[in-house]
């Protein structure tokens, strides 16, 4: 029988239909030694034979789970539509892109694989598109985000958020990480998210009080991006501090005792607030002074003209987005106070139609 790629088993190999070429598939590979690996499934198809097809290739986007019974490839397969059947898998190994890099996992070492297709990132271009979206509704939303590379969930709990559920962070703790491949972050972009500060004291402390977001280079773990609330950014300035790719500033000139309510438009710092970080190598033309980077809180510009003139985005390097920091860094690089974070999105252009 001719080898085929199927999306459904309505009849024996009568229809050759593959999953979308743009689909991205998350995988959790459970190994026989008790460990597990999460990431993007890179193998093009799961090949083998069944009672109804001697030569069969399943597109990963339609497979829900594969449970291996032995090292010779015998497995129980479940598809996303609920179909279940026995299959002898012929693949010797499976390729997975994880936070540890590209891995090749031998079939003989696998106990099971759980797969889930997710929406492909929107294409960029004149209007740009969404390239990453994590809802933080639960651990599965981190390991299988709505759009973009798979993440690693380390620790944390989930509470009622701004939209659905949200991740509760704790001081000096690594909670989740997402590795972005080479070229993922462009010369123009926007990161937006919701956050709620839970610190009981009304006075702002030192750097990272809290640290809301951080991105490092994957090759050398240099901290190249962070959004903090600080009483001193290291340069004698306070407020909302944004450091992005070799340039940085804070929203209030001068170091002084600072209360959280001074920073927010409504004064209610204990409420949910919307944060948007914009950058453009050529300058954001519709903001005063055409800055190359900017931070908006609840739609209001907090850091603008003249900021980020040393902008030099290393777009050809892989990066790691850490919540609340890159797990390869010391805990001291993380947040110093608790907060909730919800619904983070990354766009491949300096998105201005922000709805806080």
C-alpha atoms as a PDB file:
ATOM      1  CA  UNK A   1       0.000   0.000   0.000  1.00  0.00           C
ATOM      2  CA  UNK A   2       1.272   3.502  -0.853  1.00  0.00           C
ATOM      3  CA  UNK A   3       2.706   5.477   2.045  1.00  0.00           C
ATOM      4  CA  UNK A   4       0.396   8.337   2.987  1.00  0.00           C
ATOM      5  CA  UNK A   5       0.007  11.146   5.495  1.00  0.00           C
ATOM      6  CA  UNK A   6      -3.414  11.193   7.132  1.00  0.00           C
ATOM      7  CA  UNK A   7      -5.439  13.665   9.137  1.00  0.00           C
ATOM      8  CA  UNK A   8      -8.242  11.265   9.946  1.00  0.00           C
ATOM      9  CA  UNK A   9      -8.956   7.556   9.714  1.00  0.00           C
ATOM     10  CA  UNK A  10     -12.359   7.594   8.083  1.00  0.00           C
ATOM     11  CA  UNK A  11     -11.200   4.895   5.686  1.00  0.00           C
ATOM     12  CA  UNK A  12      -8.021   2.925   5.093  1.00  0.00           C
ATOM     13  CA  UNK A  13      -5.536   5.389   3.637  1.00  0.00           C
ATOM     14  CA  UNK A  14      -8.025   6.583   1.070  1.00  0.00           C
ATOM     15  CA  UNK A  15      -7.347  10.269   1.688  1.00  0.00           C
ATOM     16  CA  UNK A  16      -3.863  11.762   1.813  1.00  0.00           C
ATOM     17  CA  UNK A  17      -4.181  14.960   3.844  1.00  0.00           C
ATOM     18  CA  UNK A  18      -1.454  16.410   6.059  1.00  0.00           C
ATOM     19  CA  UNK A  19      -1.745  18.786   8.963  1.00  0.00           C
ATOM     20  CA  UNK A  20      -1.101  22.426   8.146  1.00  0.00           C
ATOM     21  CA  UNK A  21       2.508  23.065   7.201  1.00  0.00           C
ATOM     22  CA  UNK A  22       2.386  26.178   9.410  1.00  0.00           C
ATOM     23  CA  UNK A  23       1.208  24.273  12.508  1.00  0.00           C
ATOM     24  CA  UNK A  24       3.505  24.070  15.502  1.00  0.00           C
ATOM     25  CA  UNK A  25       3.279  21.070  17.824  1.00  0.00           C
ATOM     26  CA  UNK A  26       4.166  20.986  21.513  1.00  0.00           C
ATOM     27  CA  UNK A  27       5.392  17.705  22.978  1.00  0.00           C
ATOM     28  CA  UNK A  28       5.947  16.350  26.463  1.00  0.00           C
ATOM     29  CA  UNK A  29       8.203  13.307  26.182  1.00  0.00           C
ATOM     30  CA  UNK A  30       8.112  11.057  29.250  1.00  0.00           C
ATOM     31  CA  UNK A  31      11.210   8.895  29.554  1.00  0.00           C
ATOM     32  CA  UNK A  32      11.528   5.481  31.173  1.00  0.00           C
ATOM     33  CA  UNK A  33      13.910   6.821  33.811  1.00  0.00           C
ATOM     34  CA  UNK A  34      11.156   9.100  35.140  1.00  0.00           C
ATOM     35  CA  UNK A  35      12.398  12.328  33.566  1.00  0.00           C
ATOM     36  CA  UNK A  36      10.550  14.384  30.983  1.00  0.00           C
ATOM     37  CA  UNK A  37      11.363  16.804  28.159  1.00  0.00           C
ATOM     38  CA  UNK A  38       9.062  19.564  26.889  1.00  0.00           C
ATOM     39  CA  UNK A  39       9.403  21.555  23.706  1.00  0.00           C
ATOM     40  CA  UNK A  40       8.554  21.813  20.016  1.00  0.00           C
ATOM     41  CA  UNK A  41       8.170  18.528  18.129  1.00  0.00           C
ATOM     42  CA  UNK A  42      10.467  18.738  15.088  1.00  0.00           C
ATOM     43  CA  UNK A  43       9.995  15.269  13.564  1.00  0.00           C
ATOM     44  CA  UNK A  44       7.843  15.611  10.437  1.00  0.00           C
ATOM     45  CA  UNK A  45       5.810  12.446  10.918  1.00  0.00           C
ATOM     46  CA  UNK A  46       5.248   9.416  13.153  1.00  0.00           C
ATOM     47  CA  UNK A  47       5.704   6.457  10.804  1.00  0.00           C
ATOM     48  CA  UNK A  48       4.872   2.790  11.148  1.00  0.00           C
ATOM     49  CA  UNK A  49       2.235   0.155  10.426  1.00  0.00           C
ATOM     50  CA  UNK A  50      -1.162  -0.933  11.727  1.00  0.00           C
ATOM     51  CA  UNK A  51      -3.700  -3.628  10.952  1.00  0.00           C
ATOM     52  CA  UNK A  52      -5.402  -1.322   8.463  1.00  0.00           C
ATOM     53  CA  UNK A  53      -2.327   0.231   6.829  1.00  0.00           C
ATOM     54  CA  UNK A  54       1.027  -1.444   6.264  1.00  0.00           C
ATOM     55  CA  UNK A  55       2.754   1.876   5.679  1.00  0.00           C
ATOM     56  CA  UNK A  56       1.405   4.864   7.552  1.00  0.00           C
ATOM     57  CA  UNK A  57       2.715   8.322   8.480  1.00  0.00           C
ATOM     58  CA  UNK A  58       0.795  10.402  11.011  1.00  0.00           C
ATOM     59  CA  UNK A  59       1.145  14.172  10.876  1.00  0.00           C
ATOM     60  CA  UNK A  60       2.123  15.215  14.450  1.00  0.00           C
ATOM     61  CA  UNK A  61      -0.570  17.904  14.493  1.00  0.00           C
ATOM     62  CA  UNK A  62      -3.341  15.273  14.658  1.00  0.00           C
ATOM     63  CA  UNK A  63      -1.747  13.045  17.312  1.00  0.00           C
ATOM     64  CA  UNK A  64      -2.772  13.453  20.956  1.00  0.00           C
ATOM     65  CA  UNK A  65      -0.643  10.746  22.567  1.00  0.00           C
ATOM     66  CA  UNK A  66       1.651   7.794  21.878  1.00  0.00           C
ATOM     67  CA  UNK A  67       2.181   5.248  24.663  1.00  0.00           C
ATOM     68  CA  UNK A  68       4.942   2.725  24.055  1.00  0.00           C
ATOM     69  CA  UNK A  69       4.539  -0.830  25.296  1.00  0.00           C
ATOM     70  CA  UNK A  70       8.083  -2.006  24.530  1.00  0.00           C
ATOM     71  CA  UNK A  71      11.362  -1.011  22.914  1.00  0.00           C
ATOM     72  CA  UNK A  72      10.398  -2.590  19.576  1.00  0.00           C
ATOM     73  CA  UNK A  73       7.996   0.228  18.751  1.00  0.00           C
ATOM     74  CA  UNK A  74       4.660  -1.293  19.772  1.00  0.00           C
ATOM     75  CA  UNK A  75       2.453   1.577  20.901  1.00  0.00           C
ATOM     76  CA  UNK A  76      -1.088   2.715  21.614  1.00  0.00           C
ATOM     77  CA  UNK A  77      -1.943   5.854  19.642  1.00  0.00           C
ATOM     78  CA  UNK A  78      -4.738   8.362  20.271  1.00  0.00           C
ATOM     79  CA  UNK A  79      -5.621  11.044  17.724  1.00  0.00           C
ATOM     80  CA  UNK A  80      -7.035  14.486  18.455  1.00  0.00           C
ATOM     81  CA  UNK A  81     -10.491  13.369  17.238  1.00  0.00           C
ATOM     82  CA  UNK A  82     -10.586  10.535  19.801  1.00  0.00           C
ATOM     83  CA  UNK A  83      -9.616   7.643  17.493  1.00  0.00           C
ATOM     84  CA  UNK A  84      -7.462   4.989  19.196  1.00  0.00           C
ATOM     85  CA  UNK A  85      -5.507   2.132  17.658  1.00  0.00           C
ATOM     86  CA  UNK A  86      -2.396  -0.005  17.997  1.00  0.00           C
ATOM     87  CA  UNK A  87       0.643   0.871  15.900  1.00  0.00           C
ATOM     88  CA  UNK A  88       4.181  -0.342  15.430  1.00  0.00           C
ATOM     89  CA  UNK A  89       6.270   2.833  15.254  1.00  0.00           C
ATOM     90  CA  UNK A  90       9.261   2.693  12.908  1.00  0.00           C
ATOM     91  CA  UNK A  91      10.968   5.978  13.904  1.00  0.00           C
ATOM     92  CA  UNK A  92      14.246   5.270  15.689  1.00  0.00           C
ATOM     93  CA  UNK A  93      14.277   8.680  17.374  1.00  0.00           C
ATOM     94  CA  UNK A  94      12.324  11.938  17.652  1.00  0.00           C
ATOM     95  CA  UNK A  95      13.660  15.484  17.382  1.00  0.00           C
ATOM     96  CA  UNK A  96      12.581  18.007  20.025  1.00  0.00           C
ATOM     97  CA  UNK A  97      13.551  21.666  20.413  1.00  0.00           C
ATOM     98  CA  UNK A  98      13.628  22.323  24.150  1.00  0.00           C
ATOM     99  CA  UNK A  99      15.021  25.007  26.427  1.00  0.00           C
ATOM    100  CA  UNK A 100      18.198  22.881  26.461  1.00  0.00           C
ATOM    101  CA  UNK A 101      18.498  23.128  22.677  1.00  0.00           C
ATOM    102  CA  UNK A 102      17.701  20.647  19.903  1.00  0.00           C
ATOM    103  CA  UNK A 103      17.559  17.089  21.237  1.00  0.00           C
ATOM    104  CA  UNK A 104      17.263  13.692  19.566  1.00  0.00           C
ATOM    105  CA  UNK A 105      15.361  11.330  21.866  1.00  0.00           C
ATOM    106  CA  UNK A 106      15.719   7.575  21.092  1.00  0.00           C
ATOM    107  CA  UNK A 107      12.428   5.754  20.742  1.00  0.00           C
ATOM    108  CA  UNK A 108      13.693   2.951  22.996  1.00  0.00           C
ATOM    109  CA  UNK A 109      14.058   5.411  25.917  1.00  0.00           C
ATOM    110  CA  UNK A 110      10.491   6.731  25.646  1.00  0.00           C
ATOM    111  CA  UNK A 111       7.595   5.699  27.821  1.00  0.00           C
ATOM    112  CA  UNK A 112       5.065   8.064  26.240  1.00  0.00           C
ATOM    113  CA  UNK A 113       4.618  11.280  24.252  1.00  0.00           C
ATOM    114  CA  UNK A 114       1.800  13.802  24.619  1.00  0.00           C
ATOM    115  CA  UNK A 115       1.370  16.168  21.661  1.00  0.00           C
ATOM    116  CA  UNK A 116      -0.774  19.226  21.042  1.00  0.00           C
ATOM    117  CA  UNK A 117      -0.959  21.454  17.976  1.00  0.00           C
ATOM    118  CA  UNK A 118      -1.132  25.194  18.490  1.00  0.00           C
ATOM    119  CA  UNK A 119      -1.856  28.110  16.209  1.00  0.00           C
ATOM    120  CA  UNK A 120       1.003  29.211  14.044  1.00  0.00           C
ATOM    121  CA  UNK A 121       2.335  32.716  14.534  1.00  0.00           C
ATOM    122  CA  UNK A 122       0.731  35.280  12.287  1.00  0.00           C
ATOM    123  CA  UNK A 123       2.845  36.357   9.373  1.00  0.00           C
ATOM    124  CA  UNK A 124       4.631  39.678   9.607  1.00  0.00           C
ATOM    125  CA  UNK A 125       4.735  42.285   6.896  1.00  0.00           C
ATOM    126  CA  UNK A 126       3.234  45.699   6.450  1.00  0.00           C
ATOM    127  CA  UNK A 127       0.998  45.351   9.504  1.00  0.00           C
ATOM    128  CA  UNK A 128       3.050  42.848  11.466  1.00  0.00           C
ATOM    129  CA  UNK A 129       1.642  40.024  13.534  1.00  0.00           C
ATOM    130  CA  UNK A 130       1.394  38.208  16.835  1.00  0.00           C
ATOM    131  CA  UNK A 131       4.404  35.928  17.366  1.00  0.00           C
ATOM    132  CA  UNK A 132       3.913  34.924  21.016  1.00  0.00           C
ATOM    133  CA  UNK A 133       0.946  34.659  23.374  1.00  0.00           C
ATOM    134  CA  UNK A 134       0.802  32.993  26.789  1.00  0.00           C
ATOM    135  CA  UNK A 135      -2.416  33.262  28.809  1.00  0.00           C
ATOM    136  CA  UNK A 136      -0.940  31.988  32.117  1.00  0.00           C
ATOM    137  CA  UNK A 137      -4.221  30.200  32.825  1.00  0.00           C
ATOM    138  CA  UNK A 138      -2.393  27.100  34.085  1.00  0.00           C
ATOM    139  CA  UNK A 139       0.844  25.136  33.703  1.00  0.00           C
ATOM    140  CA  UNK A 140      -0.308  23.766  30.334  1.00  0.00           C
ATOM    141  CA  UNK A 141      -0.614  27.309  28.976  1.00  0.00           C
ATOM    142  CA  UNK A 142       3.121  27.709  29.632  1.00  0.00           C
ATOM    143  CA  UNK A 143       4.256  24.397  28.163  1.00  0.00           C
ATOM    144  CA  UNK A 144       1.816  24.841  25.247  1.00  0.00           C
ATOM    145  CA  UNK A 145       1.284  28.598  24.709  1.00  0.00           C
ATOM    146  CA  UNK A 146      -1.437  29.796  22.360  1.00  0.00           C
ATOM    147  CA  UNK A 147       1.168  31.153  19.930  1.00  0.00           C
ATOM    148  CA  UNK A 148       4.937  30.788  19.859  1.00  0.00           C
ATOM    149  CA  UNK A 149       7.647  28.518  21.283  1.00  0.00           C
ATOM    150  CA  UNK A 150       6.909  26.041  24.054  1.00  0.00           C
ATOM    151  CA  UNK A 151       7.875  27.017  27.579  1.00  0.00           C
ATOM    152  CA  UNK A 152       9.095  25.293  30.715  1.00  0.00           C
ATOM    153  CA  UNK A 153       7.028  25.558  33.898  1.00  0.00           C
ATOM    154  CA  UNK A 154       9.130  25.384  37.065  1.00  0.00           C
ATOM    155  CA  UNK A 155       6.993  26.382  40.003  1.00  0.00           C
ATOM    156  CA  UNK A 156       4.104  28.639  40.972  1.00  0.00           C
ATOM    157  CA  UNK A 157       0.371  28.771  41.499  1.00  0.00           C
ATOM    158  CA  UNK A 158      -2.469  30.313  39.507  1.00  0.00           C
ATOM    159  CA  UNK A 159      -5.125  32.713  40.770  1.00  0.00           C
ATOM    160  CA  UNK A 160      -7.946  34.780  39.296  1.00  0.00           C
ATOM    161  CA  UNK A 161      -6.386  37.146  36.780  1.00  0.00           C
ATOM    162  CA  UNK A 162      -7.275  40.059  34.567  1.00  0.00           C
ATOM    163  CA  UNK A 163      -8.306  37.630  31.800  1.00  0.00           C
ATOM    164  CA  UNK A 164      -9.067  34.159  33.126  1.00  0.00           C
ATOM    165  CA  UNK A 165      -6.294  32.981  35.461  1.00  0.00           C
ATOM    166  CA  UNK A 166      -2.859  34.497  36.164  1.00  0.00           C
ATOM    167  CA  UNK A 167       0.527  33.282  37.399  1.00  0.00           C
ATOM    168  CA  UNK A 168       1.374  34.212  40.985  1.00  0.00           C
ATOM    169  CA  UNK A 169       5.106  34.911  41.356  1.00  0.00           C
ATOM    170  CA  UNK A 170       7.184  34.746  44.506  1.00  0.00           C
ATOM    171  CA  UNK A 171      10.387  36.651  45.353  1.00  0.00           C
ATOM    172  CA  UNK A 172      13.755  35.195  44.294  1.00  0.00           C
ATOM    173  CA  UNK A 173      12.096  32.321  42.440  1.00  0.00           C
ATOM    174  CA  UNK A 174      12.231  31.159  38.816  1.00  0.00           C
ATOM    175  CA  UNK A 175       8.734  30.318  37.618  1.00  0.00           C
ATOM    176  CA  UNK A 176       8.774  29.784  33.853  1.00  0.00           C
ATOM    177  CA  UNK A 177      11.026  30.239  30.820  1.00  0.00           C
ATOM    178  CA  UNK A 178      10.538  30.438  27.049  1.00  0.00           C
ATOM    179  CA  UNK A 179      13.470  30.084  24.648  1.00  0.00           C
ATOM    180  CA  UNK A 180      13.104  32.157  21.483  1.00  0.00           C
ATOM    181  CA  UNK A 181      15.064  30.875  18.476  1.00  0.00           C
ATOM    182  CA  UNK A 182      17.522  32.900  16.438  1.00  0.00           C
ATOM    183  CA  UNK A 183      15.884  35.856  14.726  1.00  0.00           C
ATOM    184  CA  UNK A 184      12.627  35.564  16.704  1.00  0.00           C
ATOM    185  CA  UNK A 185      12.927  39.088  18.129  1.00  0.00           C
ATOM    186  CA  UNK A 186      13.035  41.618  15.307  1.00  0.00           C
ATOM    187  CA  UNK A 187      14.342  45.172  14.932  1.00  0.00           C
ATOM    188  CA  UNK A 188      10.820  46.364  15.703  1.00  0.00           C
ATOM    189  CA  UNK A 189       8.388  44.908  18.199  1.00  0.00           C
ATOM    190  CA  UNK A 190       6.062  45.179  21.165  1.00  0.00           C
ATOM    191  CA  UNK A 191       5.700  43.201  24.394  1.00  0.00           C
ATOM    192  CA  UNK A 192       2.467  43.746  26.302  1.00  0.00           C
ATOM    193  CA  UNK A 193       1.068  42.130  29.451  1.00  0.00           C
ATOM    194  CA  UNK A 194      -1.037  42.707  32.566  1.00  0.00           C
ATOM    195  CA  UNK A 195       0.438  42.740  36.087  1.00  0.00           C
ATOM    196  CA  UNK A 196      -0.794  43.341  39.622  1.00  0.00           C
ATOM    197  CA  UNK A 197       1.646  44.249  42.420  1.00  0.00           C
ATOM    198  CA  UNK A 198       1.061  42.382  45.697  1.00  0.00           C
ATOM    199  CA  UNK A 199       3.784  43.970  47.835  1.00  0.00           C
ATOM    200  CA  UNK A 200       2.230  45.132  51.155  1.00  0.00           C
ATOM    201  CA  UNK A 201       4.558  48.111  51.656  1.00  0.00           C
ATOM    202  CA  UNK A 202       3.604  51.318  49.797  1.00  0.00           C
ATOM    203  CA  UNK A 203       7.245  52.368  49.478  1.00  0.00           C
ATOM    204  CA  UNK A 204       9.312  51.338  46.428  1.00  0.00           C
ATOM    205  CA  UNK A 205      12.457  49.368  47.246  1.00  0.00           C
ATOM    206  CA  UNK A 206      15.662  48.706  45.326  1.00  0.00           C
ATOM    207  CA  UNK A 207      15.945  47.346  41.789  1.00  0.00           C
ATOM    208  CA  UNK A 208      13.443  44.661  40.877  1.00  0.00           C
ATOM    209  CA  UNK A 209      10.757  45.608  43.379  1.00  0.00           C
ATOM    210  CA  UNK A 210       9.196  44.003  41.468  1.00  0.00           C
ATOM    211  CA  UNK A 211      11.051  42.900  38.322  1.00  0.00           C
ATOM    212  CA  UNK A 212       8.113  42.305  35.984  1.00  0.00           C
ATOM    213  CA  UNK A 213       9.923  40.849  32.995  1.00  0.00           C
ATOM    214  CA  UNK A 214      13.411  39.830  31.897  1.00  0.00           C
ATOM    215  CA  UNK A 215      15.050  38.520  28.711  1.00  0.00           C
ATOM    216  CA  UNK A 216      18.583  37.164  28.455  1.00  0.00           C
ATOM    217  CA  UNK A 217      20.781  35.999  25.609  1.00  0.00           C
ATOM    218  CA  UNK A 218      20.692  32.221  25.401  1.00  0.00           C
ATOM    219  CA  UNK A 219      24.371  31.865  24.498  1.00  0.00           C
ATOM    220  CA  UNK A 220      25.991  33.784  27.358  1.00  0.00           C
ATOM    221  CA  UNK A 221      23.058  34.571  29.710  1.00  0.00           C
ATOM    222  CA  UNK A 222      23.671  38.302  29.554  1.00  0.00           C
ATOM    223  CA  UNK A 223      20.677  40.196  30.925  1.00  0.00           C
ATOM    224  CA  UNK A 224      19.729  42.392  27.974  1.00  0.00           C
ATOM    225  CA  UNK A 225      16.143  43.379  28.782  1.00  0.00           C
ATOM    226  CA  UNK A 226      14.192  43.997  31.948  1.00  0.00           C
ATOM    227  CA  UNK A 227      11.247  46.002  33.260  1.00  0.00           C
ATOM    228  CA  UNK A 228      11.561  46.945  36.931  1.00  0.00           C
ATOM    229  CA  UNK A 229      10.043  49.262  39.496  1.00  0.00           C
ATOM    230  CA  UNK A 230      12.956  50.773  41.428  1.00  0.00           C
ATOM    231  CA  UNK A 231      13.975  53.465  43.887  1.00  0.00           C
ATOM    232  CA  UNK A 232      17.396  53.546  42.172  1.00  0.00           C
ATOM    233  CA  UNK A 233      18.114  52.161  38.704  1.00  0.00           C
ATOM    234  CA  UNK A 234      21.873  52.247  39.248  1.00  0.00           C
ATOM    235  CA  UNK A 235      22.054  55.669  37.646  1.00  0.00           C
ATOM    236  CA  UNK A 236      20.358  57.600  40.408  1.00  0.00           C
ATOM    237  CA  UNK A 237      16.868  57.530  38.841  1.00  0.00           C
ATOM    238  CA  UNK A 238      13.626  56.018  40.121  1.00  0.00           C
ATOM    239  CA  UNK A 239      10.225  54.771  38.990  1.00  0.00           C
ATOM    240  CA  UNK A 240       9.461  52.491  36.062  1.00  0.00           C
ATOM    241  CA  UNK A 241      12.870  51.382  34.820  1.00  0.00           C
ATOM    242  CA  UNK A 242      13.337  49.921  31.348  1.00  0.00           C
ATOM    243  CA  UNK A 243      16.626  48.452  30.186  1.00  0.00           C
ATOM    244  CA  UNK A 244      16.603  47.213  26.631  1.00  0.00           C
ATOM    245  CA  UNK A 245      19.589  46.140  24.570  1.00  0.00           C
ATOM    246  CA  UNK A 246      22.426  48.374  25.718  1.00  0.00           C
ATOM    247  CA  UNK A 247      20.309  51.355  26.733  1.00  0.00           C
ATOM    248  CA  UNK A 248      18.312  52.143  29.864  1.00  0.00           C
ATOM    249  CA  UNK A 249      16.511  54.775  31.893  1.00  0.00           C
ATOM    250  CA  UNK A 250      13.910  55.303  34.593  1.00  0.00           C
ATOM    251  CA  UNK A 251      10.743  57.361  34.462  1.00  0.00           C
ATOM    252  CA  UNK A 252      11.612  59.767  37.307  1.00  0.00           C
ATOM    253  CA  UNK A 253      14.831  61.765  37.265  1.00  0.00           C
ATOM    254  CA  UNK A 254      16.728  61.651  40.521  1.00  0.00           C
ATOM    255  CA  UNK A 255      16.834  59.180  43.386  1.00  0.00           C
ATOM    256  CA  UNK A 256      14.415  59.810  46.238  1.00  0.00           C
ATOM    257  CA  UNK A 257      11.916  57.984  48.484  1.00  0.00           C
ATOM    258  CA  UNK A 258       9.081  56.938  46.199  1.00  0.00           C
ATOM    259  CA  UNK A 259       5.558  55.676  46.796  1.00  0.00           C
ATOM    260  CA  UNK A 260       3.929  53.290  44.319  1.00  0.00           C
ATOM    261  CA  UNK A 261       0.840  55.467  43.852  1.00  0.00           C
ATOM    262  CA  UNK A 262       3.017  58.231  42.376  1.00  0.00           C
ATOM    263  CA  UNK A 263       3.792  56.021  39.393  1.00  0.00           C
ATOM    264  CA  UNK A 264       0.315  55.050  38.215  1.00  0.00           C
ATOM    265  CA  UNK A 265      -2.119  57.350  36.389  1.00  0.00           C
ATOM    266  CA  UNK A 266      -4.994  56.574  38.779  1.00  0.00           C
ATOM    267  CA  UNK A 267      -2.822  56.229  41.885  1.00  0.00           C
ATOM    268  CA  UNK A 268      -4.290  52.786  42.538  1.00  0.00           C
ATOM    269  CA  UNK A 269      -1.114  50.711  42.387  1.00  0.00           C
ATOM    270  CA  UNK A 270      -2.801  47.621  43.886  1.00  0.00           C
ATOM    271  CA  UNK A 271      -5.057  47.235  40.837  1.00  0.00           C
ATOM    272  CA  UNK A 272      -4.345  45.474  37.531  1.00  0.00           C
ATOM    273  CA  UNK A 273      -2.282  47.582  35.119  1.00  0.00           C
ATOM    274  CA  UNK A 274      -1.370  47.146  31.466  1.00  0.00           C
ATOM    275  CA  UNK A 275       2.278  47.393  30.398  1.00  0.00           C
ATOM    276  CA  UNK A 276       3.527  47.789  26.825  1.00  0.00           C
ATOM    277  CA  UNK A 277       7.191  47.909  25.776  1.00  0.00           C
ATOM    278  CA  UNK A 278       7.772  49.197  22.240  1.00  0.00           C
ATOM    279  CA  UNK A 279      10.948  49.365  20.196  1.00  0.00           C
ATOM    280  CA  UNK A 280      11.906  50.255  16.654  1.00  0.00           C
ATOM    281  CA  UNK A 281      15.438  50.520  15.313  1.00  0.00           C
ATOM    282  CA  UNK A 282      14.397  53.471  13.121  1.00  0.00           C
ATOM    283  CA  UNK A 283      12.417  55.225  15.874  1.00  0.00           C
ATOM    284  CA  UNK A 284       8.728  55.158  16.861  1.00  0.00           C
ATOM    285  CA  UNK A 285       7.565  58.029  14.682  1.00  0.00           C
ATOM    286  CA  UNK A 286       4.184  58.674  16.316  1.00  0.00           C
ATOM    287  CA  UNK A 287       5.654  59.161  19.808  1.00  0.00           C
ATOM    288  CA  UNK A 288       7.186  62.489  20.908  1.00  0.00           C
ATOM    289  CA  UNK A 289      10.800  62.677  19.818  1.00  0.00           C
ATOM    290  CA  UNK A 290      10.545  59.405  17.853  1.00  0.00           C
ATOM    291  CA  UNK A 291      12.249  57.326  20.580  1.00  0.00           C
ATOM    292  CA  UNK A 292      13.682  53.946  19.664  1.00  0.00           C
ATOM    293  CA  UNK A 293      12.259  52.338  22.811  1.00  0.00           C
ATOM    294  CA  UNK A 294       9.370  53.266  25.083  1.00  0.00           C
ATOM    295  CA  UNK A 295       7.369  51.984  28.045  1.00  0.00           C
ATOM    296  CA  UNK A 296       3.636  52.637  28.312  1.00  0.00           C
ATOM    297  CA  UNK A 297       1.593  51.945  31.441  1.00  0.00           C
ATOM    298  CA  UNK A 298      -2.181  51.935  31.002  1.00  0.00           C
ATOM    299  CA  UNK A 299      -1.569  53.500  27.587  1.00  0.00           C
ATOM    300  CA  UNK A 300       0.400  56.434  29.013  1.00  0.00           C
ATOM    301  CA  UNK A 301       3.993  57.028  27.946  1.00  0.00           C
ATOM    302  CA  UNK A 302       6.333  56.830  30.949  1.00  0.00           C
ATOM    303  CA  UNK A 303       9.709  56.755  29.168  1.00  0.00           C
ATOM    304  CA  UNK A 304       9.900  58.565  25.865  1.00  0.00           C
ATOM    305  CA  UNK A 305      11.999  61.003  23.887  1.00  0.00           C
ATOM    306  CA  UNK A 306      15.746  60.511  23.939  1.00  0.00           C
ATOM    307  CA  UNK A 307      15.616  57.068  25.530  1.00  0.00           C
ATOM    308  CA  UNK A 308      17.382  54.132  23.927  1.00  0.00           C
ATOM    309  CA  UNK A 309      19.637  56.029  21.541  1.00  0.00           C
ATOM    310  CA  UNK A 310      22.221  53.214  21.899  1.00  0.00           C
ATOM    311  CA  UNK A 311      19.656  50.709  20.699  1.00  0.00           C
ATOM    312  CA  UNK A 312      21.359  47.710  19.094  1.00  0.00           C
ATOM    313  CA  UNK A 313      19.005  44.752  19.077  1.00  0.00           C
ATOM    314  CA  UNK A 314      20.934  41.456  18.746  1.00  0.00           C
ATOM    315  CA  UNK A 315      18.158  39.961  16.621  1.00  0.00           C
ATOM    316  CA  UNK A 316      20.341  37.160  15.265  1.00  0.00           C
ATOM    317  CA  UNK A 317      20.821  35.609  18.710  1.00  0.00           C
ATOM    318  CA  UNK A 318      18.482  33.200  20.543  1.00  0.00           C
ATOM    319  CA  UNK A 319      16.946  34.672  23.701  1.00  0.00           C
ATOM    320  CA  UNK A 320      15.268  33.378  26.847  1.00  0.00           C
ATOM    321  CA  UNK A 321      12.201  35.089  28.315  1.00  0.00           C
ATOM    322  CA  UNK A 322      12.099  34.331  32.037  1.00  0.00           C
ATOM    323  CA  UNK A 323       9.231  34.745  34.478  1.00  0.00           C
ATOM    324  CA  UNK A 324      10.415  36.387  36.538  1.00  0.00           C
ATOM    325  CA  UNK A 325      13.932  35.944  35.173  1.00  0.00           C
ATOM    326  CA  UNK A 326      16.173  33.571  33.250  1.00  0.00           C
ATOM    327  CA  UNK A 327      16.577  30.412  35.379  1.00  0.00           C
ATOM    328  CA  UNK A 328      20.281  30.303  34.470  1.00  0.00           C
ATOM    329  CA  UNK A 329      20.824  33.512  36.447  1.00  0.00           C
ATOM    330  CA  UNK A 330      21.153  33.741  40.211  1.00  0.00           C
ATOM    331  CA  UNK A 331      17.960  34.211  42.249  1.00  0.00           C
ATOM    332  CA  UNK A 332      19.162  37.720  43.154  1.00  0.00           C
ATOM    333  CA  UNK A 333      18.478  38.699  39.531  1.00  0.00           C
ATOM    334  CA  UNK A 334      14.800  37.926  40.022  1.00  0.00           C
ATOM    335  CA  UNK A 335      11.952  39.945  41.471  1.00  0.00           C
ATOM    336  CA  UNK A 336      12.175  41.103  45.094  1.00  0.00           C
ATOM    337  CA  UNK A 337       8.424  41.245  45.664  1.00  0.00           C
ATOM    338  CA  UNK A 338       5.388  39.175  44.596  1.00  0.00           C
ATOM    339  CA  UNK A 339       3.040  40.036  41.747  1.00  0.00           C
ATOM    340  CA  UNK A 340       0.524  38.456  39.376  1.00  0.00           C
ATOM    341  CA  UNK A 341       1.232  38.392  35.626  1.00  0.00           C
ATOM    342  CA  UNK A 342      -1.334  37.658  32.926  1.00  0.00           C
ATOM    343  CA  UNK A 343      -1.795  37.428  29.163  1.00  0.00           C
ATOM    344  CA  UNK A 344       1.603  38.305  27.721  1.00  0.00           C
ATOM    345  CA  UNK A 345       1.800  38.959  23.975  1.00  0.00           C
ATOM    346  CA  UNK A 346       4.726  39.751  21.684  1.00  0.00           C
ATOM    347  CA  UNK A 347       4.251  41.414  18.299  1.00  0.00           C
ATOM    348  CA  UNK A 348       6.773  41.717  15.471  1.00  0.00           C
ATOM    349  CA  UNK A 349       6.163  45.456  15.065  1.00  0.00           C
ATOM    350  CA  UNK A 350       5.900  48.448  17.412  1.00  0.00           C
ATOM    351  CA  UNK A 351       2.171  47.975  17.978  1.00  0.00           C
ATOM    352  CA  UNK A 352       0.438  51.222  18.880  1.00  0.00           C
ATOM    353  CA  UNK A 353      -3.243  50.214  18.860  1.00  0.00           C
ATOM    354  CA  UNK A 354      -2.955  49.118  22.503  1.00  0.00           C
ATOM    355  CA  UNK A 355      -6.200  48.703  24.436  1.00  0.00           C
ATOM    356  CA  UNK A 356      -5.348  48.905  28.161  1.00  0.00           C
END
